[in-house]
């Protein structure tokens, strides 16, 4: 089942320009954070398009920074980083 939705922005983005546009700002509630955790746990993904070109993700190996051949259908909503000291 594909529940994809497409949204367009009113902003104009241009490649190769040194400007940053923040299209929105939101304060996250505990419920919002809980939803993000759910989406991460259940492997939700998104695809971002710019000029009708799909976004891509590159994951590097943490030890030697090599780029192994990994291909994804969409970009993960997020991931967990476990602190080696505190767990």
N, C-alpha and C. Protein backbone atom coordinates (compact mmCIF):
# COMPACT_ATOMS: atom_id res chain seq x y z
N UNK A 1 0.84 -1.18 0.00
CA UNK A 1 0.00 0.00 0.00
C UNK A 1 0.88 1.24 0.00
N UNK A 2 0.60 2.17 -0.87
CA UNK A 2 1.39 3.39 -0.99
C UNK A 2 0.56 4.56 -0.50
N UNK A 3 0.97 5.16 0.61
CA UNK A 3 0.27 6.30 1.17
C UNK A 3 1.01 7.60 0.88
N UNK A 4 1.64 7.70 -0.28
CA UNK A 4 2.47 8.87 -0.55
C UNK A 4 1.61 10.11 -0.79
N UNK A 5 2.14 11.23 -0.37
CA UNK A 5 1.52 12.52 -0.59
C UNK A 5 2.58 13.46 -1.14
N UNK A 6 2.16 14.38 -1.97
CA UNK A 6 3.09 15.34 -2.53
C UNK A 6 2.68 16.74 -2.08
N UNK A 7 3.67 17.51 -1.64
CA UNK A 7 3.44 18.88 -1.20
C UNK A 7 4.42 19.80 -1.91
N UNK A 8 3.96 20.95 -2.29
CA UNK A 8 4.84 21.93 -2.92
C UNK A 8 5.05 23.10 -1.97
N UNK A 9 6.18 23.76 -2.13
CA UNK A 9 6.50 24.90 -1.29
C UNK A 9 6.37 26.20 -2.08
N UNK A 10 6.14 27.26 -1.38
CA UNK A 10 6.07 28.58 -2.02
C UNK A 10 7.45 29.19 -2.20
N UNK A 11 8.48 28.54 -1.66
CA UNK A 11 9.84 29.06 -1.73
C UNK A 11 10.53 28.66 -3.01
N UNK A 12 11.44 29.49 -3.44
CA UNK A 12 12.23 29.22 -4.62
C UNK A 12 13.66 28.90 -4.17
N UNK A 13 14.12 27.69 -4.44
CA UNK A 13 15.47 27.27 -4.09
C UNK A 13 16.33 27.25 -5.33
N UNK A 14 17.55 27.69 -5.21
CA UNK A 14 18.47 27.71 -6.34
C UNK A 14 19.74 26.96 -5.97
N UNK A 15 20.21 26.13 -6.90
CA UNK A 15 21.44 25.39 -6.68
C UNK A 15 22.64 26.32 -6.71
N UNK A 16 23.69 25.95 -5.99
CA UNK A 16 24.99 26.62 -6.04
C UNK A 16 24.93 28.08 -5.59
N UNK A 17 24.09 28.38 -4.62
CA UNK A 17 24.05 29.71 -4.05
C UNK A 17 24.26 29.59 -2.54
N UNK A 18 25.00 30.52 -1.97
CA UNK A 18 25.35 30.45 -0.56
C UNK A 18 24.33 31.17 0.32
N UNK A 19 23.09 30.82 0.19
CA UNK A 19 22.08 31.40 1.06
C UNK A 19 21.28 30.28 1.70
N UNK A 20 20.79 30.53 2.89
CA UNK A 20 20.01 29.53 3.60
C UNK A 20 18.62 30.09 3.84
N UNK A 21 17.63 29.32 3.46
CA UNK A 21 16.24 29.70 3.69
C UNK A 21 15.64 28.66 4.63
N UNK A 22 15.08 29.11 5.72
CA UNK A 22 14.38 28.20 6.62
C UNK A 22 12.90 28.29 6.30
N UNK A 23 12.35 27.28 5.64
CA UNK A 23 10.96 27.37 5.21
C UNK A 23 9.95 27.30 6.36
N UNK A 24 10.37 26.80 7.51
CA UNK A 24 9.44 26.74 8.63
C UNK A 24 10.20 26.51 9.93
N UNK A 25 9.52 26.76 11.02
CA UNK A 25 10.08 26.50 12.35
C UNK A 25 8.95 25.97 13.21
N UNK A 26 9.23 24.95 13.99
CA UNK A 26 8.20 24.36 14.82
C UNK A 26 8.80 23.89 16.13
N UNK A 27 8.11 24.16 17.21
CA UNK A 27 8.46 23.61 18.51
C UNK A 27 7.79 22.25 18.62
N UNK A 28 8.56 21.23 18.99
CA UNK A 28 8.01 19.87 19.07
C UNK A 28 7.55 19.54 20.48
N UNK A 29 6.36 18.97 20.57
CA UNK A 29 5.80 18.53 21.85
C UNK A 29 6.27 17.10 22.12
N UNK A 30 6.00 16.61 23.31
CA UNK A 30 6.34 15.23 23.65
C UNK A 30 5.60 14.26 22.73
N UNK A 31 4.38 14.60 22.34
CA UNK A 31 3.61 13.75 21.42
C UNK A 31 4.27 13.72 20.05
N UNK A 32 4.75 14.87 19.56
CA UNK A 32 5.45 14.93 18.27
C UNK A 32 6.69 14.04 18.29
N UNK A 33 7.46 14.13 19.37
CA UNK A 33 8.68 13.32 19.50
C UNK A 33 8.33 11.84 19.52
N UNK A 34 7.25 11.49 20.21
CA UNK A 34 6.79 10.10 20.26
C UNK A 34 6.43 9.59 18.86
N UNK A 35 5.80 10.45 18.07
CA UNK A 35 5.45 10.07 16.70
C UNK A 35 6.71 9.84 15.87
N UNK A 36 7.70 10.73 16.00
CA UNK A 36 8.96 10.53 15.27
C UNK A 36 9.60 9.20 15.66
N UNK A 37 9.60 8.87 16.93
CA UNK A 37 10.16 7.59 17.38
C UNK A 37 9.43 6.43 16.72
N UNK A 38 8.10 6.53 16.64
CA UNK A 38 7.31 5.48 15.99
C UNK A 38 7.72 5.35 14.53
N UNK A 39 7.82 6.48 13.82
CA UNK A 39 8.19 6.46 12.41
C UNK A 39 9.58 5.87 12.19
N UNK A 40 10.51 6.18 13.09
CA UNK A 40 11.86 5.61 13.00
C UNK A 40 11.81 4.11 13.24
N UNK A 41 11.10 3.70 14.30
CA UNK A 41 11.00 2.28 14.65
C UNK A 41 10.39 1.45 13.53
N UNK A 42 9.44 2.03 12.80
CA UNK A 42 8.75 1.29 11.75
C UNK A 42 9.25 1.64 10.35
N UNK A 43 10.46 2.20 10.28
CA UNK A 43 11.18 2.38 9.02
C UNK A 43 10.44 3.25 8.01
N UNK A 44 9.80 4.31 8.46
CA UNK A 44 9.16 5.25 7.54
C UNK A 44 10.23 6.01 6.76
N UNK A 45 9.91 6.35 5.52
CA UNK A 45 10.84 7.06 4.66
C UNK A 45 10.11 8.19 3.94
N UNK A 46 10.88 9.13 3.39
CA UNK A 46 10.32 10.20 2.58
C UNK A 46 11.22 10.42 1.38
N UNK A 47 10.68 11.07 0.37
CA UNK A 47 11.47 11.45 -0.80
C UNK A 47 11.25 12.94 -1.03
N UNK A 48 12.31 13.66 -1.18
CA UNK A 48 12.28 15.09 -1.42
C UNK A 48 12.63 15.33 -2.88
N UNK A 49 11.85 16.14 -3.56
CA UNK A 49 12.12 16.46 -4.95
C UNK A 49 12.49 17.94 -5.07
N UNK A 50 13.48 18.22 -5.86
CA UNK A 50 13.88 19.58 -6.16
C UNK A 50 14.08 19.66 -7.67
N UNK A 51 13.33 20.52 -8.32
CA UNK A 51 13.33 20.60 -9.79
C UNK A 51 13.01 19.25 -10.42
N UNK A 52 12.05 18.56 -9.84
CA UNK A 52 11.59 17.25 -10.30
C UNK A 52 12.66 16.16 -10.24
N UNK A 53 13.73 16.41 -9.49
CA UNK A 53 14.76 15.39 -9.29
C UNK A 53 14.63 14.83 -7.87
N UNK A 54 14.64 13.51 -7.72
CA UNK A 54 14.49 12.94 -6.37
C UNK A 54 15.77 13.11 -5.55
N UNK A 55 15.58 13.24 -4.26
CA UNK A 55 16.72 13.34 -3.35
C UNK A 55 17.40 11.98 -3.22
N UNK A 56 18.60 12.00 -2.69
CA UNK A 56 19.36 10.77 -2.50
C UNK A 56 20.01 10.81 -1.13
N UNK A 57 20.37 9.64 -0.63
CA UNK A 57 21.04 9.56 0.66
C UNK A 57 22.30 8.72 0.50
N UNK A 58 23.37 9.16 1.13
CA UNK A 58 24.62 8.41 1.12
C UNK A 58 24.97 8.09 2.57
N UNK A 59 25.15 6.83 2.84
CA UNK A 59 25.57 6.41 4.17
C UNK A 59 27.01 5.95 4.10
N UNK A 60 27.84 6.54 4.92
CA UNK A 60 29.25 6.16 4.95
C UNK A 60 29.51 5.21 6.12
N UNK A 61 30.47 4.33 5.93
CA UNK A 61 30.88 3.44 7.00
C UNK A 61 31.49 4.28 8.11
N UNK A 62 31.08 4.07 9.36
CA UNK A 62 31.56 4.89 10.48
C UNK A 62 33.04 4.74 10.75
N UNK A 63 33.62 3.61 10.40
CA UNK A 63 35.03 3.36 10.73
C UNK A 63 35.99 3.92 9.69
N UNK A 64 35.79 3.55 8.42
CA UNK A 64 36.76 3.97 7.41
C UNK A 64 36.19 5.01 6.44
N UNK A 65 34.96 5.44 6.66
CA UNK A 65 34.30 6.50 5.88
C UNK A 65 34.12 6.13 4.40
N UNK A 66 34.23 4.85 4.08
CA UNK A 66 33.97 4.39 2.72
C UNK A 66 32.47 4.48 2.44
N UNK A 67 32.13 4.52 1.17
CA UNK A 67 30.73 4.54 0.77
C UNK A 67 30.38 3.17 0.19
N UNK A 68 29.77 2.30 1.02
CA UNK A 68 29.37 1.00 0.47
C UNK A 68 28.16 1.17 -0.45
N UNK A 69 27.98 0.27 -1.40
CA UNK A 69 26.84 0.41 -2.32
C UNK A 69 25.52 0.08 -1.62
N UNK A 70 24.83 1.11 -1.16
CA UNK A 70 23.52 0.97 -0.55
C UNK A 70 22.53 1.80 -1.33
N UNK A 71 21.41 1.22 -1.66
CA UNK A 71 20.39 1.94 -2.40
C UNK A 71 19.10 1.90 -1.58
N UNK A 72 18.44 3.03 -1.48
CA UNK A 72 17.26 3.14 -0.64
C UNK A 72 16.08 3.63 -1.44
N UNK A 73 14.92 3.15 -1.06
CA UNK A 73 13.68 3.67 -1.60
C UNK A 73 13.20 4.74 -0.65
N UNK A 74 13.68 5.96 -0.83
CA UNK A 74 13.35 7.05 0.07
C UNK A 74 14.43 7.25 1.11
N UNK A 75 14.29 8.33 1.87
CA UNK A 75 15.24 8.68 2.91
C UNK A 75 14.61 8.34 4.26
N UNK A 76 15.34 7.67 5.15
CA UNK A 76 14.76 7.37 6.47
C UNK A 76 14.36 8.65 7.20
N UNK A 77 13.23 8.61 7.90
CA UNK A 77 12.76 9.76 8.67
C UNK A 77 13.79 10.14 9.72
N UNK A 78 14.49 9.16 10.26
CA UNK A 78 15.51 9.44 11.26
C UNK A 78 16.22 8.16 11.65
N UNK A 79 17.10 8.27 12.60
CA UNK A 79 17.83 7.12 13.11
C UNK A 79 18.26 7.43 14.54
N UNK A 80 18.64 6.40 15.26
CA UNK A 80 19.09 6.56 16.63
C UNK A 80 20.61 6.54 16.69
N UNK A 81 21.17 7.38 17.51
CA UNK A 81 22.60 7.37 17.79
C UNK A 81 22.75 6.99 19.26
N UNK A 82 23.46 5.92 19.51
CA UNK A 82 23.64 5.45 20.89
C UNK A 82 24.99 5.94 21.39
N UNK A 83 24.95 6.68 22.47
CA UNK A 83 26.16 7.19 23.10
C UNK A 83 26.92 6.02 23.73
N UNK A 84 28.20 5.85 23.39
CA UNK A 84 28.97 4.72 23.88
C UNK A 84 29.18 4.77 25.39
N UNK A 85 29.15 5.96 25.98
CA UNK A 85 29.37 6.09 27.42
C UNK A 85 28.08 5.87 28.21
N UNK A 86 27.02 6.57 27.80
CA UNK A 86 25.78 6.49 28.57
C UNK A 86 24.82 5.42 28.08
N UNK A 87 25.06 4.90 26.87
CA UNK A 87 24.19 3.86 26.34
C UNK A 87 22.93 4.44 25.77
